[in-house]
C-alpha cells in the first residue's frame, strides 16, 4: 500500500501502472487523457520514420492505437505484423493523448519506454492443398455441366 501511494506521489498525477486495453482507453479517453499508461500489443503495419521519431501501430487484439516514439526506442522493433510476418509484441509506457494537438487531433500514446515481450517472426504462407483440390474438382464438374448443357441445346 505504501509503495502504491509513493508511485502516485512521484508521478504528480494518477499513474496507471497496470497494463490497460485499447477498449478501456477508447471508452474512457477523457479519464486517461494526459495520464501515464502502460499498453501492450503486436506491432502491425509499417514503422513510419518521421525525423527523430517513429509512428508504430500496436494492436492488442481488440483495437489498434498509434504510438509516437523516439527513433532510438524503435530500434527494438524488428518485425511488424503483415501477411509476411508476425509482429513483435511490445509493452510501452507513455502519455495517452485523447486528442493530440501535435498530431492533428488523433488519439495516440507518446511512448517514454518500450519493452519487447516476445519477438516477431517471418510467416511462411502455405497453400491449403485441400482447398485447391476441392476447387479443381468443382471446376471440372462445372466444365462437364457446361458441355452437357451445350449438347442439350444443340439437339
N, C-alpha and C. Protein backbone atom coordinates (compact mmCIF):
# COMPACT_ATOMS: atom_id res chain seq x y z
N UNK A 1 0.83 -1.19 0.00
CA UNK A 1 0.00 0.00 0.00
C UNK A 1 0.87 1.25 0.00
N UNK A 2 1.94 1.27 0.81
CA UNK A 2 2.82 2.43 0.85
C UNK A 2 3.50 2.64 -0.49
N UNK A 3 3.86 1.53 -1.17
CA UNK A 3 4.51 1.62 -2.48
C UNK A 3 3.58 2.29 -3.49
N UNK A 4 2.29 1.91 -3.49
CA UNK A 4 1.33 2.49 -4.43
C UNK A 4 1.18 3.99 -4.18
N UNK A 5 1.11 4.38 -2.92
CA UNK A 5 0.99 5.80 -2.62
C UNK A 5 2.23 6.56 -3.07
N UNK A 6 3.39 5.94 -2.93
CA UNK A 6 4.63 6.56 -3.39
C UNK A 6 4.64 6.75 -4.89
N UNK A 7 4.11 5.79 -5.63
CA UNK A 7 4.06 5.92 -7.09
C UNK A 7 3.16 7.07 -7.50
N UNK A 8 2.01 7.18 -6.83
CA UNK A 8 1.10 8.29 -7.15
C UNK A 8 1.78 9.61 -6.82
N UNK A 9 2.46 9.70 -5.71
CA UNK A 9 3.14 10.92 -5.31
C UNK A 9 4.24 11.28 -6.31
N UNK A 10 5.04 10.32 -6.73
CA UNK A 10 6.14 10.58 -7.68
C UNK A 10 5.65 11.04 -9.03
N UNK A 11 4.52 10.53 -9.48
CA UNK A 11 4.01 10.89 -10.79
C UNK A 11 3.41 12.29 -10.82
N UNK A 12 2.94 12.76 -9.69
CA UNK A 12 2.32 14.08 -9.66
C UNK A 12 0.84 14.01 -10.03
N UNK A 13 0.47 12.99 -10.78
CA UNK A 13 -0.93 12.73 -11.12
C UNK A 13 -1.13 11.24 -10.94
N UNK A 14 -2.34 10.78 -11.18
CA UNK A 14 -2.61 9.36 -11.04
C UNK A 14 -1.88 8.61 -12.14
N UNK A 15 -1.13 7.56 -11.77
CA UNK A 15 -0.42 6.71 -12.72
C UNK A 15 -1.19 5.41 -12.89
N UNK A 16 -1.16 4.86 -14.08
CA UNK A 16 -1.79 3.59 -14.34
C UNK A 16 -0.68 2.59 -14.64
N UNK A 17 -0.16 1.94 -13.59
CA UNK A 17 0.97 1.03 -13.73
C UNK A 17 0.55 -0.30 -14.34
N UNK A 18 -0.71 -0.67 -14.20
CA UNK A 18 -1.18 -1.90 -14.80
C UNK A 18 -1.45 -1.68 -16.27
N UNK A 19 -1.24 -2.74 -17.02
CA UNK A 19 -1.49 -2.69 -18.46
C UNK A 19 -2.97 -2.43 -18.70
N UNK A 20 -3.25 -1.60 -19.69
CA UNK A 20 -4.62 -1.21 -19.98
C UNK A 20 -4.97 -1.58 -21.41
N UNK A 21 -6.21 -1.94 -21.66
CA UNK A 21 -6.63 -2.34 -23.01
C UNK A 21 -6.99 -1.13 -23.85
N UNK A 22 -6.96 -1.33 -25.15
CA UNK A 22 -7.34 -0.26 -26.07
C UNK A 22 -8.81 0.13 -25.88
N UNK A 23 -9.66 -0.86 -25.63
CA UNK A 23 -11.08 -0.58 -25.42
C UNK A 23 -11.28 0.31 -24.20
N UNK A 24 -10.55 0.02 -23.13
CA UNK A 24 -10.63 0.84 -21.92
C UNK A 24 -10.17 2.27 -22.23
N UNK A 25 -9.07 2.40 -22.97
CA UNK A 25 -8.57 3.73 -23.32
C UNK A 25 -9.56 4.50 -24.18
N UNK A 26 -10.12 3.84 -25.18
CA UNK A 26 -11.04 4.50 -26.11
C UNK A 26 -12.34 4.88 -25.40
N UNK A 27 -12.89 3.95 -24.63
CA UNK A 27 -14.17 4.21 -23.96
C UNK A 27 -14.07 5.23 -22.83
N UNK A 28 -12.89 5.37 -22.25
CA UNK A 28 -12.70 6.30 -21.12
C UNK A 28 -11.58 7.30 -21.43
N UNK A 29 -11.55 7.78 -22.66
CA UNK A 29 -10.48 8.65 -23.12
C UNK A 29 -10.32 9.91 -22.27
N UNK A 30 -11.42 10.49 -21.84
CA UNK A 30 -11.33 11.71 -21.03
C UNK A 30 -10.61 11.44 -19.70
N UNK A 31 -10.90 10.31 -19.10
CA UNK A 31 -10.29 9.95 -17.81
C UNK A 31 -8.78 9.76 -17.94
N UNK A 32 -8.35 9.16 -19.04
CA UNK A 32 -6.93 8.84 -19.21
C UNK A 32 -6.13 9.93 -19.92
N UNK A 33 -6.80 10.94 -20.46
CA UNK A 33 -6.13 11.99 -21.22
C UNK A 33 -5.02 12.66 -20.41
N UNK A 34 -3.80 12.64 -20.96
CA UNK A 34 -2.66 13.26 -20.31
C UNK A 34 -2.03 12.42 -19.21
N UNK A 35 -2.54 11.22 -18.99
CA UNK A 35 -2.04 10.35 -17.92
C UNK A 35 -1.03 9.34 -18.47
N UNK A 36 -0.17 8.86 -17.60
CA UNK A 36 0.77 7.79 -17.95
C UNK A 36 0.04 6.47 -17.97
N UNK A 37 0.23 5.72 -19.05
CA UNK A 37 -0.43 4.42 -19.19
C UNK A 37 0.60 3.38 -19.65
N UNK A 38 0.25 2.12 -19.45
CA UNK A 38 1.02 1.01 -19.97
C UNK A 38 0.10 0.26 -20.92
N UNK A 39 0.54 0.10 -22.17
CA UNK A 39 -0.28 -0.52 -23.22
C UNK A 39 0.59 -1.55 -23.94
N UNK A 40 0.01 -2.67 -24.29
CA UNK A 40 0.76 -3.73 -24.96
C UNK A 40 -0.01 -4.23 -26.17
N UNK A 41 0.75 -4.64 -27.18
CA UNK A 41 0.13 -5.21 -28.36
C UNK A 41 1.17 -5.59 -29.38
N UNK A 42 0.69 -6.11 -30.50
CA UNK A 42 1.56 -6.50 -31.61
C UNK A 42 1.80 -5.30 -32.51
N UNK A 43 3.07 -5.07 -32.85
CA UNK A 43 3.39 -4.02 -33.82
C UNK A 43 2.87 -4.49 -35.18
N UNK A 44 2.06 -3.66 -35.82
CA UNK A 44 1.49 -4.03 -37.12
C UNK A 44 1.70 -2.91 -38.13
N UNK A 45 1.62 -3.27 -39.39
CA UNK A 45 1.75 -2.29 -40.47
C UNK A 45 3.18 -1.82 -40.61
N UNK A 46 3.34 -0.64 -41.14
CA UNK A 46 4.66 -0.07 -41.35
C UNK A 46 5.13 0.69 -40.12
N UNK A 47 6.43 0.64 -39.88
CA UNK A 47 7.05 1.50 -38.88
C UNK A 47 7.46 2.75 -39.64
N UNK A 48 6.79 3.86 -39.38
CA UNK A 48 6.94 5.07 -40.18
C UNK A 48 7.86 6.08 -39.51
N UNK A 49 9.01 6.30 -40.11
CA UNK A 49 10.00 7.23 -39.56
C UNK A 49 9.61 8.66 -39.92
N UNK A 50 9.64 9.53 -38.91
CA UNK A 50 9.34 10.96 -39.08
C UNK A 50 10.43 11.75 -38.37
N UNK A 51 11.55 11.98 -39.05
CA UNK A 51 12.68 12.69 -38.44
C UNK A 51 13.31 11.85 -37.35
N UNK A 52 13.34 12.40 -36.13
CA UNK A 52 13.93 11.68 -34.99
C UNK A 52 12.91 10.81 -34.27
N UNK A 53 11.69 10.71 -34.82
CA UNK A 53 10.63 9.94 -34.19
C UNK A 53 10.07 8.91 -35.15
N UNK A 54 9.23 8.04 -34.61
CA UNK A 54 8.65 6.94 -35.37
C UNK A 54 7.20 6.76 -34.95
N UNK A 55 6.34 6.48 -35.94
CA UNK A 55 4.97 6.05 -35.67
C UNK A 55 4.94 4.54 -35.80
N UNK A 56 4.29 3.88 -34.86
CA UNK A 56 4.03 2.45 -34.98
C UNK A 56 2.63 2.20 -34.42
N UNK A 57 1.92 1.28 -35.05
CA UNK A 57 0.59 0.91 -34.58
C UNK A 57 0.68 -0.37 -33.77
N UNK A 58 0.05 -0.37 -32.59
CA UNK A 58 0.01 -1.56 -31.74
C UNK A 58 -1.43 -2.05 -31.63
N UNK A 59 -1.60 -3.33 -31.93
CA UNK A 59 -2.92 -3.95 -31.86
C UNK A 59 -2.93 -4.93 -30.70
N UNK A 60 -3.87 -4.74 -29.78
CA UNK A 60 -3.96 -5.63 -28.62
C UNK A 60 -4.98 -6.74 -28.81
N UNK A 61 -5.45 -6.92 -30.03
CA UNK A 61 -6.45 -7.95 -30.31
C UNK A 61 -7.85 -7.40 -30.34
N UNK A 62 -8.04 -6.20 -29.84
CA UNK A 62 -9.34 -5.54 -29.85
C UNK A 62 -9.36 -4.36 -30.80
N UNK A 63 -8.38 -3.48 -30.66
CA UNK A 63 -8.26 -2.26 -31.46
C UNK A 63 -6.79 -1.97 -31.68
N UNK A 64 -6.54 -0.97 -32.49
CA UNK A 64 -5.17 -0.54 -32.74
C UNK A 64 -5.02 0.91 -32.30
N UNK A 65 -3.91 1.19 -31.63
CA UNK A 65 -3.61 2.55 -31.19
C UNK A 65 -2.25 2.95 -31.74
N UNK A 66 -2.17 4.17 -32.28
CA UNK A 66 -0.91 4.70 -32.77
C UNK A 66 -0.02 5.12 -31.62
N UNK A 67 1.27 4.79 -31.77
CA UNK A 67 2.25 5.14 -30.74
C UNK A 67 3.35 5.97 -31.39
N UNK A 68 3.67 7.09 -30.78
CA UNK A 68 4.71 8.01 -31.23
C UNK A 68 5.89 7.81 -30.31
N UNK A 69 7.04 7.43 -30.87
CA UNK A 69 8.19 7.17 -30.02
C UNK A 69 9.48 7.62 -30.67
N UNK A 70 10.47 7.82 -29.83
CA UNK A 70 11.79 8.22 -30.28
C UNK A 70 12.39 7.13 -31.15
N UNK A 71 13.12 7.55 -32.18
CA UNK A 71 13.74 6.61 -33.12
C UNK A 71 14.65 5.61 -32.41
N UNK A 72 15.33 6.05 -31.36
CA UNK A 72 16.22 5.16 -30.60
C UNK A 72 15.43 4.03 -29.94
N UNK A 73 14.27 4.36 -29.37
CA UNK A 73 13.43 3.34 -28.75
C UNK A 73 12.91 2.35 -29.80
N UNK A 74 12.67 2.84 -31.00
CA UNK A 74 12.10 2.00 -32.06
C UNK A 74 13.07 0.95 -32.59
N UNK A 75 14.34 1.06 -32.24
CA UNK A 75 15.31 0.06 -32.69
C UNK A 75 14.99 -1.33 -32.15
N UNK A 76 14.19 -1.40 -31.10
CA UNK A 76 13.74 -2.68 -30.53
C UNK A 76 12.86 -3.45 -31.53
N UNK A 77 12.17 -2.73 -32.40
CA UNK A 77 11.19 -3.35 -33.30
C UNK A 77 11.89 -3.94 -34.51
N UNK A 78 11.80 -5.26 -34.66
CA UNK A 78 12.39 -5.94 -35.80
C UNK A 78 11.34 -6.41 -36.79
N UNK A 79 10.17 -6.81 -36.30
CA UNK A 79 9.11 -7.31 -37.17
C UNK A 79 7.81 -6.57 -36.88
N UNK A 80 7.16 -6.12 -37.93
CA UNK A 80 5.82 -5.54 -37.82
C UNK A 80 4.87 -6.50 -38.53
N UNK A 81 3.73 -6.74 -37.91
CA UNK A 81 2.77 -7.71 -38.44
C UNK A 81 2.26 -7.33 -39.82
N UNK A 82 2.21 -8.32 -40.69
CA UNK A 82 1.71 -8.18 -42.05
C UNK A 82 1.37 -9.58 -42.54
N UNK A 83 1.12 -9.70 -43.85
CA UNK A 83 0.88 -11.03 -44.42
C UNK A 83 2.13 -11.89 -44.36
N UNK A 84 3.27 -11.25 -44.27
CA UNK A 84 4.54 -11.97 -44.33
C UNK A 84 5.23 -12.14 -42.98
N UNK A 85 4.68 -11.52 -41.93
CA UNK A 85 5.36 -11.59 -40.63
C UNK A 85 4.37 -11.46 -39.48
N UNK A 86 4.70 -12.09 -38.39
CA UNK A 86 4.02 -11.89 -37.11
C UNK A 86 4.82 -10.81 -36.40
N UNK A 87 4.16 -9.74 -35.97
CA UNK A 87 4.87 -8.61 -35.38
C UNK A 87 5.38 -8.86 -33.98
N UNK A 88 6.40 -8.08 -33.60
CA UNK A 88 6.91 -8.12 -32.24
C UNK A 88 5.79 -7.70 -31.29
N UNK A 89 5.71 -8.35 -30.14
CA UNK A 89 4.78 -7.93 -29.09
C UNK A 89 5.54 -6.97 -28.19
N UNK A 90 4.97 -5.79 -28.02
CA UNK A 90 5.63 -4.73 -27.26
C UNK A 90 4.76 -4.26 -26.11
N UNK A 91 5.42 -3.84 -25.07
CA UNK A 91 4.75 -3.17 -23.96
C UNK A 91 5.37 -1.79 -23.88
N UNK A 92 4.53 -0.79 -24.00
CA UNK A 92 5.03 0.58 -23.94
C UNK A 92 4.41 1.30 -22.76
N UNK A 93 5.17 2.21 -22.20
CA UNK A 93 4.61 3.10 -21.19
C UNK A 93 4.80 4.51 -21.73
N UNK A 94 3.78 5.29 -21.58
CA UNK A 94 3.84 6.64 -22.11
C UNK A 94 2.61 7.43 -21.73
N UNK A 95 2.48 8.59 -22.33
CA UNK A 95 1.38 9.50 -22.02
C UNK A 95 0.30 9.37 -23.08
N UNK A 96 -0.91 9.06 -22.64
CA UNK A 96 -2.06 8.92 -23.52
C UNK A 96 -2.60 10.29 -23.88
N UNK A 97 -2.88 10.48 -25.17
CA UNK A 97 -3.45 11.75 -25.65
C UNK A 97 -4.79 11.44 -26.30
N UNK A 98 -5.85 11.97 -25.74
CA UNK A 98 -7.20 11.76 -26.29
C UNK A 98 -7.35 12.46 -27.64
N UNK A 99 -6.79 13.64 -27.74
CA UNK A 99 -6.86 14.42 -28.96
C UNK A 99 -5.56 15.21 -29.07
N UNK A 100 -4.55 14.57 -29.63
CA UNK A 100 -3.20 15.14 -29.66
C UNK A 100 -3.12 16.33 -30.62
N UNK A 101 -2.85 17.49 -30.09
CA UNK A 101 -2.72 18.70 -30.90
C UNK A 101 -1.55 18.58 -31.87
N UNK A 102 -0.46 17.97 -31.42
CA UNK A 102 0.74 17.81 -32.23
C UNK A 102 0.49 16.93 -33.46
N UNK A 103 -0.48 16.02 -33.37
CA UNK A 103 -0.73 15.07 -34.45
C UNK A 103 -2.14 15.18 -35.01
N UNK A 104 -2.60 16.39 -35.19
CA UNK A 104 -3.86 16.63 -35.89
C UNK A 104 -5.11 16.20 -35.15
N UNK A 105 -5.04 16.10 -33.83
CA UNK A 105 -6.23 15.74 -33.06
C UNK A 105 -6.47 14.25 -32.93
N UNK A 106 -5.51 13.43 -33.35
CA UNK A 106 -5.67 11.98 -33.25
C UNK A 106 -5.44 11.48 -31.84
N UNK A 107 -6.05 10.36 -31.54
CA UNK A 107 -5.84 9.65 -30.28
C UNK A 107 -4.52 8.89 -30.42
N UNK A 108 -3.61 9.07 -29.48
CA UNK A 108 -2.33 8.35 -29.56
C UNK A 108 -1.68 8.25 -28.19
N UNK A 109 -0.55 7.55 -28.16
CA UNK A 109 0.26 7.45 -26.96
C UNK A 109 1.67 7.91 -27.32
N UNK A 110 2.22 8.80 -26.53
CA UNK A 110 3.60 9.25 -26.70
C UNK A 110 4.45 8.38 -25.77
N UNK A 111 5.16 7.43 -26.36
CA UNK A 111 5.90 6.44 -25.58
C UNK A 111 7.13 7.05 -24.92
N UNK A 112 7.38 6.62 -23.70
CA UNK A 112 8.58 7.02 -22.97
C UNK A 112 9.51 5.83 -22.79
N UNK A 113 8.93 4.64 -22.70
CA UNK A 113 9.70 3.40 -22.58
C UNK A 113 9.05 2.33 -23.43
N UNK A 114 9.87 1.39 -23.87
CA UNK A 114 9.38 0.28 -24.68
C UNK A 114 10.09 -0.99 -24.23
N UNK A 115 9.33 -2.08 -24.22
CA UNK A 115 9.91 -3.37 -23.86
C UNK A 115 9.31 -4.43 -24.78
N UNK A 116 10.18 -5.22 -25.41
CA UNK A 116 9.71 -6.30 -26.27
C UNK A 116 9.38 -7.49 -25.38
N UNK A 117 8.10 -7.92 -25.39
CA UNK A 117 7.70 -9.05 -24.56
C UNK A 117 7.83 -10.38 -25.29
N UNK A 118 7.74 -10.35 -26.62
CA UNK A 118 8.02 -11.55 -27.42
C UNK A 118 8.38 -11.10 -28.84
N UNK A 119 9.36 -11.77 -29.42
CA UNK A 119 9.81 -11.37 -30.76
C UNK A 119 8.84 -11.83 -31.84
N UNK A 120 8.83 -11.07 -32.93
CA UNK A 120 8.05 -11.46 -34.09
C UNK A 120 8.84 -12.48 -34.91
N UNK A 121 8.26 -12.85 -36.05
CA UNK A 121 8.93 -13.83 -36.91
C UNK A 121 8.31 -13.78 -38.29
N UNK A 122 9.08 -14.20 -39.29
CA UNK A 122 8.50 -14.31 -40.63
C UNK A 122 7.43 -15.41 -40.65
N UNK A 123 6.43 -15.23 -41.47
CA UNK A 123 5.38 -16.22 -41.61
C UNK A 123 5.42 -16.75 -43.04
N UNK A 124 5.54 -18.05 -43.15
CA UNK A 124 5.54 -18.67 -44.47
C UNK A 124 4.11 -19.09 -44.78
N UNK A 125 3.56 -18.51 -45.82
CA UNK A 125 2.21 -18.87 -46.24
C UNK A 125 2.26 -20.20 -46.96
N UNK A 126 1.45 -21.14 -46.49
CA UNK A 126 1.38 -22.44 -47.13
C UNK A 126 0.06 -22.59 -47.85
N UNK A 127 0.14 -23.17 -49.04
CA UNK A 127 -1.05 -23.41 -49.82
C UNK A 127 -1.86 -24.53 -49.20
N UNK A 128 -3.14 -24.30 -49.03
CA UNK A 128 -4.03 -25.33 -48.49
C UNK A 128 -4.39 -26.25 -49.65
N UNK A 129 -3.74 -27.41 -49.71
CA UNK A 129 -3.93 -28.33 -50.84
C UNK A 129 -5.35 -28.88 -50.88
N UNK A 130 -5.99 -29.02 -49.73
CA UNK A 130 -7.38 -29.49 -49.70
C UNK A 130 -8.31 -28.53 -50.42
N UNK A 131 -8.15 -27.23 -50.14
CA UNK A 131 -8.97 -26.23 -50.82
C UNK A 131 -8.66 -26.18 -52.30
N UNK A 132 -7.38 -26.29 -52.65
CA UNK A 132 -7.00 -26.28 -54.06
C UNK A 132 -7.64 -27.45 -54.80
N UNK A 133 -7.56 -28.63 -54.22
CA UNK A 133 -8.12 -29.82 -54.86
C UNK A 133 -9.64 -29.73 -54.99
N UNK A 134 -10.30 -29.22 -53.95
CA UNK A 134 -11.74 -29.05 -53.99
C UNK A 134 -12.14 -28.08 -55.11
N UNK A 135 -11.38 -26.99 -55.24
CA UNK A 135 -11.65 -26.02 -56.30
C UNK A 135 -11.48 -26.64 -57.68
N UNK A 136 -10.44 -27.42 -57.86
CA UNK A 136 -10.22 -28.08 -59.15
C UNK A 136 -11.34 -29.07 -59.47
N UNK A 137 -11.82 -29.80 -58.48
CA UNK A 137 -12.93 -30.73 -58.68
C UNK A 137 -14.19 -29.97 -59.09
N UNK A 138 -14.48 -28.85 -58.39
CA UNK A 138 -15.65 -28.03 -58.74
C UNK A 138 -15.53 -27.47 -60.15
N UNK A 139 -14.34 -27.03 -60.55
CA UNK A 139 -14.14 -26.53 -61.91
C UNK A 139 -14.37 -27.64 -62.94
N UNK A 140 -13.92 -28.84 -62.62
CA UNK A 140 -14.15 -29.98 -63.51
C UNK A 140 -15.63 -30.28 -63.67
N UNK A 141 -16.36 -30.26 -62.55
CA UNK A 141 -17.80 -30.51 -62.59
C UNK A 141 -18.50 -29.41 -63.38
N UNK A 142 -18.10 -28.15 -63.17
CA UNK A 142 -18.67 -27.03 -63.92
C UNK A 142 -18.42 -27.21 -65.41
N UNK A 143 -17.22 -27.62 -65.80
CA UNK A 143 -16.91 -27.86 -67.21
C UNK A 143 -17.79 -28.94 -67.80
N UNK A 144 -18.00 -30.03 -67.05
CA UNK A 144 -18.87 -31.11 -67.54
C UNK A 144 -20.31 -30.64 -67.69
N UNK A 145 -20.78 -29.83 -66.73
CA UNK A 145 -22.14 -29.29 -66.81
C UNK A 145 -22.28 -28.40 -68.04
N UNK A 146 -21.30 -27.56 -68.31
CA UNK A 146 -21.35 -26.68 -69.50
C UNK A 146 -21.38 -27.50 -70.79
N UNK A 147 -20.57 -28.54 -70.87
CA UNK A 147 -20.57 -29.41 -72.06
C UNK A 147 -21.93 -30.07 -72.22
N UNK A 148 -22.49 -30.57 -71.13
CA UNK A 148 -23.79 -31.21 -71.15
C UNK A 148 -24.88 -30.24 -71.61
N UNK A 149 -24.88 -29.02 -71.07
CA UNK A 149 -25.89 -28.01 -71.42
C UNK A 149 -25.77 -27.64 -72.90
N UNK A 150 -24.58 -27.46 -73.41
CA UNK A 150 -24.39 -27.13 -74.82
C UNK A 150 -24.87 -28.25 -75.74
N UNK A 151 -24.64 -29.49 -75.36
CA UNK A 151 -25.11 -30.62 -76.16
C UNK A 151 -26.64 -30.67 -76.17
N UNK A 152 -27.22 -30.37 -75.01
CA UNK A 152 -28.70 -30.39 -74.93
C UNK A 152 -29.29 -29.31 -75.81
N UNK A 153 -28.67 -28.14 -75.85
CA UNK A 153 -29.17 -27.01 -76.65
C UNK A 153 -29.03 -27.29 -78.16
N UNK A 154 -27.96 -27.97 -78.52
CA UNK A 154 -27.71 -28.22 -79.94
C UNK A 154 -28.64 -29.29 -80.50
N UNK A 155 -29.32 -30.07 -79.69
CA UNK A 155 -30.24 -31.11 -80.17
C UNK A 155 -31.56 -30.55 -80.45
